[in-house]
N, C-alpha and C. Protein backbone atom coordinates (compact mmCIF):
# COMPACT_ATOMS: atom_id res chain seq x y z
N UNK A 1 -13.06 24.77 2.44
CA UNK A 1 -13.27 25.00 3.85
C UNK A 1 -12.75 25.94 4.43
N UNK A 2 -13.33 26.86 5.11
CA UNK A 2 -12.83 28.11 5.95
C UNK A 2 -13.19 28.09 7.25
N UNK A 3 -12.31 28.42 8.14
CA UNK A 3 -12.65 28.66 9.26
C UNK A 3 -11.59 29.18 10.48
N UNK A 4 -11.76 29.13 11.65
CA UNK A 4 -10.71 29.57 12.57
C UNK A 4 -10.11 28.61 13.53
N UNK A 5 -8.96 28.36 13.78
CA UNK A 5 -8.48 27.22 14.65
C UNK A 5 -8.56 27.45 16.05
N UNK A 6 -8.40 26.62 16.90
CA UNK A 6 -8.71 27.23 18.37
C UNK A 6 -7.77 28.12 18.66
N UNK A 7 -6.64 28.30 18.31
CA UNK A 7 -5.66 29.46 18.71
C UNK A 7 -5.92 30.87 17.90
N UNK A 8 -6.98 30.66 17.18
CA UNK A 8 -7.63 32.09 16.40
C UNK A 8 -6.80 32.14 15.23
N UNK A 9 -5.93 31.10 14.64
CA UNK A 9 -5.20 31.32 13.33
C UNK A 9 -6.29 30.93 12.12
N UNK A 10 -6.34 31.72 11.12
CA UNK A 10 -7.05 31.30 9.80
C UNK A 10 -6.96 29.84 9.40
N UNK A 11 -8.15 29.00 9.18
CA UNK A 11 -7.78 27.98 8.47
C UNK A 11 -8.50 27.79 7.34
N UNK A 12 -7.76 27.55 6.08
CA UNK A 12 -8.18 27.08 4.74
C UNK A 12 -7.88 25.67 4.43
N UNK A 13 -8.90 24.98 4.22
CA UNK A 13 -8.45 23.56 3.40
C UNK A 13 -9.17 23.44 2.00
N UNK A 14 -8.43 23.16 1.00
CA UNK A 14 -8.96 23.30 -0.56
C UNK A 14 -10.19 22.11 -0.54
N UNK A 15 -11.09 22.83 -1.56
CA UNK A 15 -11.96 21.75 -1.55
C UNK A 15 -11.50 20.53 -2.45
N UNK A 16 -10.55 20.62 -3.09
CA UNK A 16 -10.04 19.34 -3.66
C UNK A 16 -9.36 18.27 -2.66
N UNK A 17 -8.95 18.71 -1.61
CA UNK A 17 -8.14 17.71 -0.57
C UNK A 17 -9.46 17.45 0.08
N UNK A 18 -10.54 18.29 0.26
CA UNK A 18 -11.67 17.77 0.99
C UNK A 18 -12.38 16.52 0.29
N UNK A 19 -12.33 16.78 -1.02
CA UNK A 19 -13.12 15.75 -1.88
C UNK A 19 -12.40 14.50 -2.18
N UNK A 20 -10.99 14.58 -2.42
CA UNK A 20 -10.16 13.37 -2.65
C UNK A 20 -8.82 13.12 -1.95
N UNK A 21 -8.35 14.44 -1.42
CA UNK A 21 -7.04 14.07 -0.45
C UNK A 21 -7.15 13.10 0.64
N UNK A 22 -8.24 13.62 1.46
CA UNK A 22 -8.43 12.78 2.58
C UNK A 22 -8.62 11.45 2.40
N UNK A 23 -9.47 10.85 1.48
CA UNK A 23 -9.67 9.61 1.06
C UNK A 23 -8.28 8.93 0.64
N UNK A 24 -7.43 9.68 -0.17
CA UNK A 24 -6.20 9.04 -0.70
C UNK A 24 -5.34 8.78 0.72
N UNK A 25 -5.41 9.77 1.52
CA UNK A 25 -4.35 9.82 2.65
C UNK A 25 -5.01 8.52 3.42
N UNK A 26 -6.21 8.58 3.65
CA UNK A 26 -6.46 7.30 4.57
C UNK A 26 -6.26 5.95 3.76
N UNK A 27 -6.12 5.81 2.65
CA UNK A 27 -6.01 4.81 1.82
C UNK A 27 -4.49 4.24 1.98
N UNK A 28 -3.52 5.23 1.92
CA UNK A 28 -2.29 5.16 2.10
C UNK A 28 -1.88 4.51 3.41
N UNK A 29 -2.52 5.08 4.66
CA UNK A 29 -2.35 4.73 6.05
C UNK A 29 -2.79 3.28 6.12
N UNK A 30 -3.92 2.87 5.74
CA UNK A 30 -4.43 1.42 5.51
C UNK A 30 -3.73 0.55 5.02
N UNK A 31 -2.87 1.21 3.65
CA UNK A 31 -2.06 0.13 2.93
C UNK A 31 -0.69 -0.18 3.81
N UNK A 32 -0.34 1.15 4.52
CA UNK A 32 0.83 0.80 5.50
C UNK A 32 0.64 -0.04 6.49
N UNK A 33 -0.51 -0.21 7.25
CA UNK A 33 -0.85 -0.97 8.12
C UNK A 33 -1.08 -2.43 7.76
N UNK A 34 -2.13 -2.34 6.80
CA UNK A 34 -2.50 -3.86 6.32
C UNK A 34 -1.62 -4.52 5.11
N UNK A 35 -0.99 -3.58 4.53
CA UNK A 35 -0.27 -4.14 3.28
C UNK A 35 -1.07 -4.00 1.87
N UNK A 36 -0.67 -4.23 0.96
CA UNK A 36 -1.27 -3.92 -0.37
C UNK A 36 -2.21 -5.34 -0.60
N UNK A 37 -3.46 -4.91 -1.34
CA UNK A 37 -4.30 -5.95 -1.64
C UNK A 37 -3.99 -6.89 -2.50
N UNK A 38 -4.27 -8.05 -2.44
CA UNK A 38 -3.85 -9.11 -3.60
C UNK A 38 -4.56 -8.73 -5.06
N UNK A 39 -4.28 -9.17 -5.77
CA UNK A 39 -4.80 -9.23 -7.22
C UNK A 39 -6.33 -9.83 -7.19
N UNK A 40 -6.28 -10.75 -6.43
CA UNK A 40 -7.72 -11.48 -6.23
C UNK A 40 -8.62 -10.67 -5.48
N UNK A 41 -8.11 -9.94 -4.38
CA UNK A 41 -8.91 -8.96 -3.64
C UNK A 41 -9.57 -7.89 -4.45
N UNK A 42 -8.47 -7.06 -5.36
CA UNK A 42 -8.87 -6.37 -5.99
C UNK A 42 -10.00 -6.73 -7.25
N UNK A 43 -9.75 -7.87 -7.67
CA UNK A 43 -10.70 -8.42 -8.58
C UNK A 43 -11.99 -8.67 -8.32
N UNK A 44 -12.00 -9.21 -6.91
CA UNK A 44 -13.51 -9.30 -6.40
C UNK A 44 -14.26 -8.24 -5.93
N UNK A 45 -13.22 -7.12 -5.51
CA UNK A 45 -13.91 -5.62 -5.29
C UNK A 45 -14.43 -5.09 -6.58
N UNK A 46 -13.85 -5.39 -7.70
CA UNK A 46 -14.36 -4.76 -9.06
C UNK A 46 -15.85 -5.72 -9.71
N UNK A 47 -15.65 -6.77 -9.06
CA UNK A 47 -16.75 -7.59 -9.79
C UNK A 47 -18.15 -7.29 -8.76
N UNK A 48 -18.01 -6.98 -7.45
CA UNK A 48 -18.97 -6.29 -6.85
C UNK A 48 -19.61 -4.85 -7.33
N UNK A 49 -18.48 -4.14 -8.00
CA UNK A 49 -18.93 -2.72 -8.50
C UNK A 49 -20.09 -3.07 -9.65
N UNK A 50 -19.87 -4.04 -10.31
CA UNK A 50 -20.40 -4.11 -11.48
C UNK A 50 -22.11 -3.76 -11.48
N UNK A 51 -22.86 -4.10 -10.38
CA UNK A 51 -24.04 -3.87 -9.89
C UNK A 51 -24.30 -2.83 -8.92
N UNK A 52 -23.27 -2.03 -8.73
CA UNK A 52 -23.56 -0.88 -7.72
C UNK A 52 -24.26 0.18 -8.12
N UNK A 53 -25.20 0.77 -7.25
CA UNK A 53 -25.84 1.89 -7.65
C UNK A 53 -25.22 3.20 -7.24
N UNK A 54 -24.02 3.28 -7.34
CA UNK A 54 -23.23 4.49 -7.10
C UNK A 54 -22.14 4.72 -8.09
N UNK A 55 -21.30 5.70 -8.29
CA UNK A 55 -20.16 5.96 -9.16
C UNK A 55 -19.23 5.01 -8.61
N UNK A 56 -18.54 4.30 -9.67
CA UNK A 56 -17.37 3.38 -9.23
C UNK A 56 -16.48 3.51 -9.65
N UNK A 57 -15.22 2.55 -9.36
CA UNK A 57 -14.08 2.51 -10.23
C UNK A 57 -13.98 2.07 -11.85
N UNK A 58 -14.96 1.26 -11.91
CA UNK A 58 -15.38 0.95 -13.13
C UNK A 58 -15.84 1.84 -14.01
N UNK A 59 -16.53 2.73 -13.59
CA UNK A 59 -16.87 4.05 -14.20
C UNK A 59 -15.60 5.02 -14.49
N UNK A 60 -15.01 5.02 -13.75
CA UNK A 60 -13.85 5.77 -13.94
C UNK A 60 -12.98 5.22 -15.09
N UNK A 61 -12.99 4.05 -14.91
CA UNK A 61 -12.07 3.39 -16.14
C UNK A 61 -12.87 3.39 -17.48
N UNK A 62 -14.17 3.17 -17.18
CA UNK A 62 -14.85 3.47 -18.90
C UNK A 62 -14.60 5.01 -19.41
N UNK A 63 -14.62 6.08 -18.36
CA UNK A 63 -14.53 7.18 -18.69
C UNK A 63 -12.98 7.53 -19.34
N UNK A 64 -12.09 6.83 -18.71
CA UNK A 64 -10.83 6.92 -19.23
C UNK A 64 -10.49 6.33 -20.44
N UNK A 65 -11.33 5.22 -20.70
CA UNK A 65 -11.21 4.57 -22.08
C UNK A 65 -11.71 5.56 -23.08
N UNK A 66 -12.69 6.00 -22.85
CA UNK A 66 -13.47 6.97 -23.83
C UNK A 66 -12.73 8.25 -24.09
N UNK A 67 -12.00 8.63 -23.10
CA UNK A 67 -11.06 9.94 -23.24
C UNK A 67 -9.83 9.58 -23.88
N UNK A 68 -9.37 8.42 -23.80
CA UNK A 68 -8.23 8.09 -24.81
C UNK A 68 -8.46 7.97 -26.15
N UNK A 69 -9.49 7.69 -26.54
CA UNK A 69 -10.14 7.54 -28.06
C UNK A 69 -10.55 8.94 -28.61
N UNK A 70 -11.07 9.86 -27.53
CA UNK A 70 -11.72 11.06 -27.82
C UNK A 70 -13.41 10.62 -28.58
N UNK A 71 -13.70 9.62 -28.64
CA UNK A 71 -15.00 9.25 -29.16
C UNK A 71 -15.93 8.31 -28.29
N UNK A 72 -15.50 7.03 -28.02
CA UNK A 72 -16.29 6.19 -27.55
C UNK A 72 -15.31 5.27 -26.73
N UNK A 73 -15.61 4.57 -25.64
CA UNK A 73 -14.89 3.55 -25.05
C UNK A 73 -14.82 2.38 -25.90
N UNK A 74 -13.67 1.65 -26.62
CA UNK A 74 -13.54 0.65 -27.15
C UNK A 74 -13.27 -0.81 -26.24
N UNK A 75 -14.22 -1.57 -26.27
CA UNK A 75 -14.40 -2.53 -25.20
C UNK A 75 -14.04 -3.87 -26.03
N UNK A 76 -13.67 -3.72 -27.09
CA UNK A 76 -13.45 -5.11 -27.83
C UNK A 76 -12.25 -5.86 -27.48
N UNK A 77 -12.44 -7.19 -27.25
CA UNK A 77 -11.23 -7.87 -26.75
C UNK A 77 -10.02 -7.80 -27.67
N UNK A 78 -8.83 -8.06 -27.23
CA UNK A 78 -7.48 -7.73 -27.93
C UNK A 78 -6.73 -9.08 -27.65
N UNK A 79 -6.40 -10.24 -28.75
CA UNK A 79 -5.76 -11.32 -28.45
C UNK A 79 -4.44 -11.06 -27.82
N UNK A 80 -3.88 -9.95 -27.61
CA UNK A 80 -2.66 -9.64 -27.18
C UNK A 80 -2.55 -9.16 -25.62
N UNK A 81 -3.75 -8.99 -25.30
CA UNK A 81 -4.23 -8.52 -23.74
C UNK A 81 -3.85 -9.61 -22.65
N UNK A 82 -3.05 -8.81 -21.73
CA UNK A 82 -2.81 -9.84 -20.62
C UNK A 82 -4.09 -10.47 -19.96
N UNK A 83 -4.09 -11.39 -19.20
CA UNK A 83 -5.26 -12.12 -18.79
C UNK A 83 -6.07 -11.20 -17.87
N UNK A 84 -5.16 -10.50 -16.91
CA UNK A 84 -5.98 -9.25 -15.91
C UNK A 84 -6.62 -8.33 -16.74
N UNK A 85 -6.06 -7.87 -17.80
CA UNK A 85 -6.79 -6.85 -18.74
C UNK A 85 -8.29 -7.20 -19.24
N UNK A 86 -8.04 -8.66 -19.74
CA UNK A 86 -9.20 -9.13 -20.48
C UNK A 86 -10.47 -9.31 -19.26
N UNK A 87 -9.86 -9.71 -18.05
CA UNK A 87 -10.98 -9.79 -17.04
C UNK A 87 -11.61 -8.35 -16.86
N UNK A 88 -10.62 -7.30 -16.76
CA UNK A 88 -11.27 -5.92 -16.55
C UNK A 88 -12.21 -5.68 -17.70
N UNK A 89 -11.63 -6.00 -18.98
CA UNK A 89 -12.52 -5.82 -20.13
C UNK A 89 -13.89 -6.42 -19.95
N UNK A 90 -14.00 -7.66 -19.42
CA UNK A 90 -15.30 -8.40 -19.28
C UNK A 90 -16.13 -7.61 -18.25
N UNK A 91 -15.54 -7.12 -17.01
CA UNK A 91 -16.30 -6.36 -16.11
C UNK A 91 -16.74 -4.92 -16.65
N UNK A 92 -15.84 -4.55 -17.37
CA UNK A 92 -16.31 -3.08 -18.04
C UNK A 92 -17.57 -3.28 -18.92
N UNK A 93 -17.49 -4.61 -19.90
CA UNK A 93 -18.64 -4.72 -20.33
C UNK A 93 -19.75 -4.79 -19.91
N UNK A 94 -19.67 -5.72 -18.67
CA UNK A 94 -21.01 -6.03 -17.77
C UNK A 94 -21.30 -4.73 -17.27
N UNK A 95 -20.49 -3.68 -16.77
CA UNK A 95 -20.87 -2.62 -16.03
C UNK A 95 -21.63 -1.74 -17.27
N UNK A 96 -21.05 -1.42 -18.28
CA UNK A 96 -21.46 -0.66 -19.34
C UNK A 96 -23.19 -1.25 -19.84
N UNK A 97 -23.38 -2.55 -19.86
CA UNK A 97 -24.63 -3.10 -19.81
C UNK A 97 -25.65 -2.90 -18.70
N UNK A 98 -25.15 -2.58 -17.43
CA UNK A 98 -26.01 -2.50 -16.32
C UNK A 98 -26.32 -1.01 -16.48
N UNK A 99 -25.38 -0.01 -16.80
CA UNK A 99 -25.55 1.28 -17.04
C UNK A 99 -26.46 1.57 -18.14
N UNK A 100 -26.59 0.74 -19.11
CA UNK A 100 -27.73 0.93 -20.18
C UNK A 100 -28.95 0.82 -19.84
N UNK A 101 -29.08 0.07 -18.57
CA UNK A 101 -30.84 -0.34 -18.17
C UNK A 101 -31.19 0.93 -17.76
């Protein structure tokens, strides 16, 4: 974003900041004011994202899984996984099924 401030100075704001930085900063401020989300709240939010008609955190997680293996997202359960990871895997599988349709 380019422009001029009220006092005539040149204003340049990086596109990356416009796309991500403002949201991250707002998230930091809300966290300071309201405190961190509980694990249960985060889990509920992720559950709602399974059927969302937009790009979600679950989609980002699927992309990260795929990038880690350089081939495909391996969503097979692992008996040594922590319970939270197992729950997230189930949500990722549900999201992948939703995206297949």
